[in-house]
Structures are given as C-alpha cells and as structure tokens.
Amino acid sequence: MKRQVTGAVHDIAIIATSAMLMLVASAGVALGAGVDILPSQQQPSSQLLIPPLPTLPSQQEQTIPQRTLPPASRQEQTIPQGTTPRLPMGLGSNTREIPLPKVFRGCWSGSVPAVDSIQPLQEGEPPIIWLTKLYTLCYRQRGSNGKWQLTFADSSVADTSRAFDQRHAIKVKAVTGPNQAELSAYLHFRAESVGLYGIPTGNVNTLDELADLHCRITRDRQAIEVEASVFVESNEQPYAEMTWHTRLERTSESD
C-alpha cells in the first residue's frame, strides 16, 4: 500500500514539473513578441551595398594600341628619279593592244608646225615656244600569225638640234567608230629654254607631252584627220595645255 502511494506522488510531481516548464516557455515567447529590437541590436543584412574602392591610376586597365605592319607586297618602293621617264596611262606596258578598224591599215605621216591654242598653267613664265612635231603611224601585219598591229608609231621634235634625249610611246586608247579611233601619245625630250626675244637662256628643261589624239579616216581613205588636246609638264610641274590639228597622209610604205 505504501509503495503505491509513493509512486502516485512521484507521477504527480513529474506532471507538475512539465506543466511549469510549458508555462515558462509560453511566457518567454510572449515576452519576446512584445519587446522591440533597437536598430543597434539588429544584425547587419547581407544585402547591404558597399561602395567600390577607388582605383588608382596604376591599377587601371591601359589599352595599348596594336601596331599593324603593312604586308610586304604593299610597301611603297622608292624609285630613283632622273633615270627613265614614266609612261603614263599604261603606255609601253604589256597590256593587250586594241585592234584598229581595217581602214587604218597602212602607213601615215604628217607634222604639227603650229598649235591652235596655248593655255599657260604657271604665272610669270616666259612665252611658250612650240617646236614642230612629226607623227608617223604604221598599222600592218606582223608575226607568224599575221596579226595587225601598230608596227611603227613615232612622235618626235622635228629639229633635233633643239631637242635631245627624245623618247616616245603611242597606244590605241579606244575605237569609236568604223573609221574613228582615239590614241594616246607620250613624248619626252629635253630642250634649252628661250627668253623673251627668242634668245636661248642656257637653261635646259625636261618636257613631257601627253596628247589625246582623235583620229578619223577621210572619205577617200587617203589621210587621217587628227585633232589633239595636249597636257605639258616642264621639269615635272604643270606647264601648259594646248590644242592642235593636223592631217596624216597615206605614204608609199602602205603598199
């Protein structure tokens, strides 16, 4: 009987203890819900934005420009001057020659003793003296295949005592009709300059003439009427623009 009373008292004590602990826990929760937390007691948020540190000039990224070397094939080459005069517009090159109409077959020759107009391109230059030019064209068959070509094309200063170191080139530029064609003629020579009264000055000038020749066969097919516009350089500087006309007659060499 005594053992039963003792066990009952023990169970009652355990129950009372558990109830007290539950009351204390509930009170703690209630207290915690009613207490405000000061800003100083709040934990710092992990989402706070921290301003970036300033970057020193030595730490900044520097862009170093890349040096691009041009391909070797595109590098400019310096050609010494005073050797061979240049041939403009492809004159003297190995490009395909434009064939002329049949009416141009044969040889033709004539001279240009005077010009129609002269327009100086430099101020303060002495009067421009025109030297008579000679032109000869031969359009004949050549080679084993009998191809028609300009076998002889010559432009030169008639008075060889006034000009030296003459070089020339003539090339077919275009065919504009069954009896018409345009040619380009280049003439290089050196000549002594002339003063105000036609007296030689002793100074030698290098002259380059580039002429566009508009050629038309006459109705009787015995001559070529030529109208030319010429650009002249003196010592590699623009010198004058000229126009002239002439008539190239068929020669006996045509047969």
Protein backbone atom coordinates (compact mmCIF):
# COMPACT_ATOMS: atom_id res chain seq x y z
CA MET A 1 0.00 0.00 0.00
CA LYS A 2 2.80 2.37 0.94
CA ARG A 3 4.58 1.68 -2.43
CA GLN A 4 1.50 2.63 -4.41
CA VAL A 5 1.14 5.99 -2.61
CA THR A 6 4.81 6.77 -3.18
CA GLY A 7 4.55 6.02 -6.96
CA ALA A 8 1.48 8.17 -7.31
CA VAL A 9 3.15 11.10 -5.61
CA HIS A 10 6.16 10.71 -7.99
CA ASP A 11 3.96 10.80 -11.09
CA ILE A 12 2.14 13.90 -9.83
CA ALA A 13 5.49 15.68 -9.34
CA ILE A 14 6.63 14.90 -12.88
CA ILE A 15 3.37 16.18 -14.33
CA ALA A 16 3.58 19.40 -12.30
CA THR A 17 7.17 19.99 -13.39
CA SER A 18 6.27 19.56 -17.07
CA ALA A 19 3.36 21.97 -16.74
CA MET A 20 5.58 24.59 -15.12
CA LEU A 21 8.15 24.32 -17.90
CA MET A 22 5.43 24.81 -20.52
CA LEU A 23 4.20 27.93 -18.73
CA VAL A 24 7.69 29.38 -18.58
CA ALA A 25 8.27 28.72 -22.34
CA SER A 26 4.98 30.35 -23.23
CA ALA A 27 5.80 33.38 -21.12
CA GLY A 28 9.18 33.69 -22.85
CA VAL A 29 7.55 33.66 -26.25
CA ALA A 30 5.05 36.29 -25.15
CA LEU A 31 7.78 38.50 -23.76
CA GLY A 32 9.84 38.13 -26.91
CA ALA A 33 6.90 39.18 -29.05
CA GLY A 34 6.31 42.33 -27.04
CA VAL A 35 9.93 43.56 -26.91
CA ASP A 36 11.21 45.95 -29.65
CA ILE A 37 14.72 45.37 -31.03
CA LEU A 38 16.83 48.51 -31.33
CA PRO A 39 18.49 49.30 -34.65
CA SER A 40 21.89 48.96 -33.00
CA GLN A 41 20.96 45.42 -31.97
CA GLN A 42 19.91 44.35 -35.46
CA GLN A 43 22.27 42.10 -37.35
CA PRO A 44 23.73 43.61 -40.48
CA SER A 45 21.99 42.47 -43.64
CA SER A 46 23.97 40.51 -46.15
CA GLN A 47 22.41 42.70 -48.91
CA LEU A 48 24.00 45.99 -47.81
CA LEU A 49 25.71 47.76 -50.75
CA ILE A 50 29.37 48.53 -50.13
CA PRO A 51 30.69 51.32 -52.34
CA PRO A 52 33.57 50.19 -54.58
CA LEU A 53 37.06 51.18 -53.64
CA PRO A 54 38.65 53.86 -55.81
CA THR A 55 41.05 52.54 -58.42
CA LEU A 56 44.50 54.06 -58.59
CA PRO A 57 45.83 55.10 -61.95
CA SER A 58 48.47 52.40 -61.81
CA GLN A 59 45.75 49.80 -61.31
CA GLN A 60 43.57 50.97 -64.14
CA GLU A 61 43.47 48.95 -67.30
CA GLN A 62 45.53 50.56 -70.02
CA THR A 63 44.78 49.96 -73.68
CA ILE A 64 47.99 49.62 -75.65
CA PRO A 65 47.40 50.32 -79.35
CA GLN A 66 48.46 47.48 -81.57
CA ARG A 67 50.91 48.27 -84.31
CA THR A 68 49.78 46.86 -87.62
CA LEU A 69 52.54 46.29 -90.11
CA PRO A 70 51.53 46.55 -93.77
CA PRO A 71 52.02 43.49 -95.94
CA ALA A 72 55.37 43.40 -97.66
CA SER A 73 53.70 43.41 -101.04
CA ARG A 74 52.01 46.75 -100.32
CA GLN A 75 55.03 48.61 -99.04
CA GLU A 76 55.95 51.63 -101.11
CA GLN A 77 59.13 51.39 -103.07
CA THR A 78 61.22 54.42 -103.85
CA ILE A 79 62.28 54.62 -107.48
CA PRO A 80 65.26 56.87 -108.07
CA GLN A 81 64.44 59.87 -110.22
CA GLY A 82 66.34 61.03 -113.26
CA THR A 83 66.56 57.57 -114.84
CA THR A 84 63.81 56.55 -117.27
CA PRO A 85 60.77 58.83 -117.65
CA ARG A 86 57.46 57.33 -116.62
CA LEU A 87 54.95 56.32 -119.27
CA PRO A 88 51.51 57.47 -118.13
CA MET A 89 48.18 55.71 -118.68
CA GLY A 90 49.76 52.31 -119.26
CA LEU A 91 51.73 53.42 -122.34
CA GLY A 92 54.50 51.00 -123.10
CA SER A 93 53.01 48.26 -120.89
CA ASN A 94 52.33 44.66 -121.87
CA THR A 95 48.54 45.06 -121.83
CA ARG A 96 46.52 43.72 -124.77
CA GLU A 97 46.58 46.04 -127.78
CA ILE A 98 43.21 47.24 -129.09
CA PRO A 99 42.87 46.40 -132.81
CA LEU A 100 42.10 49.25 -135.21
CA PRO A 101 39.44 49.12 -137.95
CA LYS A 102 40.59 47.87 -141.37
CA VAL A 103 40.59 51.38 -142.87
CA PHE A 104 43.62 52.23 -140.69
CA ARG A 105 45.79 49.60 -142.36
CA GLY A 106 48.93 51.08 -143.93
CA CYS A 107 51.36 53.88 -143.02
CA TRP A 108 50.53 57.50 -142.33
CA SER A 109 52.76 60.51 -141.73
CA GLY A 110 52.43 64.22 -141.02
CA SER A 111 53.69 67.17 -139.00
CA VAL A 112 52.36 69.71 -136.49
CA PRO A 113 54.09 73.03 -137.29
CA ALA A 114 51.79 75.14 -135.10
CA VAL A 115 49.17 74.87 -132.39
CA ASP A 116 45.59 76.16 -132.29
CA SER A 117 45.67 77.33 -128.67
CA ILE A 118 48.03 77.55 -125.69
CA GLN A 119 46.90 77.96 -122.09
CA PRO A 120 49.82 78.53 -119.63
CA LEU A 121 49.39 76.87 -116.24
CA GLN A 122 52.06 78.85 -114.38
CA GLU A 123 52.27 82.58 -113.78
CA GLY A 124 55.41 84.54 -114.62
CA GLU A 125 56.71 82.00 -117.15
CA PRO A 126 58.38 83.19 -120.37
CA PRO A 127 56.45 82.80 -123.64
CA ILE A 128 55.93 79.18 -124.65
CA ILE A 129 57.75 78.26 -127.84
CA TRP A 130 56.22 75.39 -129.83
CA LEU A 131 58.64 73.06 -131.58
CA THR A 132 57.33 71.34 -134.72
CA LYS A 133 56.40 67.71 -134.09
CA LEU A 134 56.43 64.78 -136.51
CA TYR A 135 54.00 61.85 -136.32
CA THR A 136 54.19 58.54 -138.17
CA LEU A 137 51.84 55.57 -137.81
CA CYS A 138 52.13 52.16 -139.46
CA TYR A 139 49.39 49.59 -138.94
CA ARG A 140 50.49 46.37 -140.59
CA GLN A 141 50.57 42.60 -140.17
CA ARG A 142 53.35 41.18 -138.09
CA GLY A 143 54.41 37.78 -136.81
CA SER A 144 53.73 34.25 -137.96
CA ASN A 145 50.02 34.57 -137.28
CA GLY A 146 49.73 37.73 -139.38
CA LYS A 147 48.23 39.84 -136.60
CA TRP A 148 47.55 43.50 -137.44
CA GLN A 149 49.42 45.83 -135.10
CA LEU A 150 50.99 49.27 -134.85
CA THR A 151 54.36 48.15 -136.17
CA PHE A 152 55.72 51.69 -136.08
CA ALA A 153 54.39 54.66 -134.12
CA ASP A 154 56.63 57.66 -133.75
CA SER A 155 56.29 61.18 -132.36
CA SER A 156 59.29 63.45 -132.20
CA VAL A 157 60.60 67.00 -132.36
CA ALA A 158 61.47 67.77 -135.99
CA ASP A 159 64.51 69.93 -135.22
CA THR A 160 66.88 67.52 -133.49
CA SER A 161 69.33 70.37 -132.85
CA ARG A 162 66.78 71.94 -130.49
CA ALA A 163 65.80 68.78 -128.60
CA PHE A 164 67.63 65.72 -127.35
CA ASP A 165 67.03 62.65 -125.18
CA GLN A 166 63.76 62.04 -127.05
CA ARG A 167 61.55 59.12 -126.03
CA HIS A 168 58.03 58.35 -127.10
CA ALA A 169 55.14 55.90 -126.99
CA ILE A 170 51.81 55.70 -128.84
CA LYS A 171 48.96 53.40 -127.90
CA VAL A 172 45.41 52.78 -129.13
CA LYS A 173 43.06 54.03 -126.45
CA ALA A 174 39.65 53.24 -127.98
CA VAL A 175 37.80 52.60 -131.23
CA THR A 176 34.82 54.95 -131.53
CA GLY A 177 33.51 54.03 -134.98
CA PRO A 178 34.23 52.12 -138.21
CA ASN A 179 36.61 54.88 -139.31
CA GLN A 180 37.44 56.56 -136.00
CA ALA A 181 39.81 55.85 -133.11
CA GLU A 182 41.42 57.56 -130.16
CA LEU A 183 45.12 57.23 -129.47
CA SER A 184 47.33 58.35 -126.60
CA ALA A 185 50.75 59.74 -127.47
CA TYR A 186 53.53 60.43 -124.99
CA LEU A 187 56.64 62.42 -125.87
CA HIS A 188 59.58 63.13 -123.58
CA PHE A 189 62.51 65.35 -124.52
CA ARG A 190 64.94 67.91 -123.17
CA ALA A 191 65.39 71.35 -124.71
CA GLU A 192 67.08 74.64 -123.96
CA SER A 193 64.66 77.32 -122.78
CA VAL A 194 64.22 80.51 -124.77
CA GLY A 195 63.99 84.03 -123.35
CA LEU A 196 61.67 86.93 -124.12
CA TYR A 197 63.17 87.73 -127.53
CA GLY A 198 63.75 84.14 -128.60
CA ILE A 199 67.31 84.08 -127.28
CA PRO A 200 68.41 80.82 -125.63
CA THR A 201 68.92 81.22 -121.88
CA GLY A 202 71.33 78.34 -121.41
CA ASN A 203 68.88 76.55 -119.08
CA VAL A 204 67.80 73.06 -120.15
CA ASN A 205 64.24 71.98 -119.33
CA THR A 206 62.76 68.50 -119.28
CA LEU A 207 59.45 68.43 -121.13
CA ASP A 208 56.74 65.76 -121.13
CA GLU A 209 53.78 65.96 -123.50
CA LEU A 210 50.74 63.72 -123.14
CA ALA A 211 48.37 64.04 -126.10
CA ASP A 212 44.91 62.60 -126.72
CA LEU A 213 44.61 62.09 -130.48
CA HIS A 214 41.12 61.94 -132.02
CA CYS A 215 41.66 60.28 -135.40
CA ARG A 216 39.22 59.98 -138.32
CA ILE A 217 39.86 58.46 -141.77
CA THR A 218 38.85 60.75 -144.65
CA ARG A 219 36.20 59.66 -147.15
CA ASP A 220 38.79 58.86 -149.83
CA ARG A 221 40.75 56.84 -147.23
CA GLN A 222 43.96 58.64 -148.19
CA ALA A 223 44.51 60.56 -144.96
CA ILE A 224 43.79 60.66 -141.22
CA GLU A 225 42.46 63.90 -139.78
CA VAL A 226 43.75 64.35 -136.24
CA GLU A 227 42.58 66.71 -133.51
CA ALA A 228 44.66 66.73 -130.34
CA SER A 229 44.45 68.05 -126.80
CA VAL A 230 47.83 68.13 -125.07
CA PHE A 231 48.91 68.45 -121.44
CA VAL A 232 52.54 69.59 -120.99
CA GLU A 233 54.80 69.30 -117.96
CA SER A 234 58.07 71.20 -117.58
CA ASN A 235 60.52 69.80 -115.03
CA GLU A 236 57.69 67.67 -113.57
CA GLN A 237 55.47 70.72 -112.99
CA PRO A 238 52.24 71.63 -114.86
CA TYR A 239 53.27 73.90 -117.71
CA ALA A 240 50.57 74.34 -120.36
CA GLU A 241 47.51 72.94 -122.11
CA MET A 242 47.42 73.03 -125.91
CA THR A 243 45.24 72.02 -128.83
CA TRP A 244 46.26 71.37 -132.41
CA HIS A 245 45.08 69.64 -135.57
CA THR A 246 46.87 68.07 -138.49
CA ARG A 247 46.48 65.65 -141.38
CA LEU A 248 48.46 62.42 -141.67
CA GLU A 249 48.80 61.40 -145.31
CA ARG A 250 48.99 57.81 -146.54
CA THR A 251 52.59 57.01 -147.52
CA SER A 252 54.09 54.72 -150.15
CA GLU A 253 55.06 52.28 -147.41
CA SER A 254 51.39 51.33 -147.16
CA ASP A 255 51.70 49.10 -150.24
